[in-house]
Amino acid sequence: VPNWIIIVTLLVLALLLALGLFLFARQRKRTRLELRLASGRRQLLGRELQIYLA
């Protein structure tokens, strides 16, 4: 097996791994942001309800 085939294969695998990790991190960041926004909305709704019921 030629040496360059092994090198190219390893490079492609490394790039795929890096891309996968990048996409995974981006997805987790988006999920965390959505959770933070959802909890913030819940707090606002709670405050509005308290004002309305008071």
Protein backbone atom coordinates (compact mmCIF):
# COMPACT_ATOMS: atom_id res chain seq x y z
CA VAL A 1 0.00 0.00 0.00
CA PRO A 2 1.50 3.38 -0.98
CA ASN A 3 2.37 5.71 1.85
CA TRP A 4 0.38 8.64 0.45
CA ILE A 5 -2.89 6.65 0.54
CA ILE A 6 -2.45 6.06 4.27
CA ILE A 7 -1.63 9.73 4.86
CA VAL A 8 -4.62 10.95 2.83
CA THR A 9 -6.94 8.49 4.61
CA LEU A 10 -5.77 9.67 8.03
CA LEU A 11 -6.18 13.32 7.02
CA VAL A 12 -9.73 12.69 5.78
CA LEU A 13 -10.61 10.85 9.01
CA ALA A 14 -9.16 13.70 11.09
CA LEU A 15 -11.15 16.27 9.10
CA LEU A 16 -14.37 14.27 9.51
CA LEU A 17 -13.75 13.97 13.25
CA ALA A 18 -13.09 17.71 13.56
CA LEU A 19 -16.23 18.53 11.56
CA GLY A 20 -18.31 16.17 13.70
CA LEU A 21 -17.01 17.72 16.92
CA PHE A 22 -17.66 21.22 15.59
CA LEU A 23 -21.25 20.40 14.61
CA PHE A 24 -21.85 18.65 17.96
CA ALA A 25 -20.56 21.68 19.89
CA ARG A 26 -22.70 24.04 17.80
CA GLN A 27 -25.81 21.92 18.43
CA ARG A 28 -25.15 21.84 22.19
CA LYS A 29 -24.65 25.61 22.24
CA ARG A 30 -27.97 26.14 20.42
CA THR A 31 -29.77 23.77 22.82
CA ARG A 32 -28.30 25.57 25.84
CA LEU A 33 -29.38 28.93 24.41
CA GLU A 34 -32.92 27.65 23.76
CA LEU A 35 -33.15 26.33 27.33
CA ARG A 36 -31.96 29.67 28.72
CA LEU A 37 -34.49 31.56 26.59
CA ALA A 38 -37.28 29.18 27.64
CA SER A 39 -36.52 29.62 31.36
CA GLY A 40 -36.35 33.39 30.89
CA ARG A 41 -39.74 33.38 29.20
CA ARG A 42 -41.16 31.27 32.02
CA GLN A 43 -39.92 33.79 34.61
CA LEU A 44 -41.47 36.66 32.64
CA LEU A 45 -44.79 34.82 32.39
CA GLY A 46 -44.69 34.13 36.13
CA ARG A 47 -44.12 37.81 36.87
CA GLU A 48 -46.91 38.86 34.53
CA LEU A 49 -49.27 36.40 36.20
CA GLN A 50 -48.35 37.73 39.65
CA ILE A 51 -49.01 41.30 38.51
CA TYR A 52 -52.29 40.24 36.90
CA LEU A 53 -53.48 38.27 39.94
CA ALA A 54 -52.37 40.87 42.50
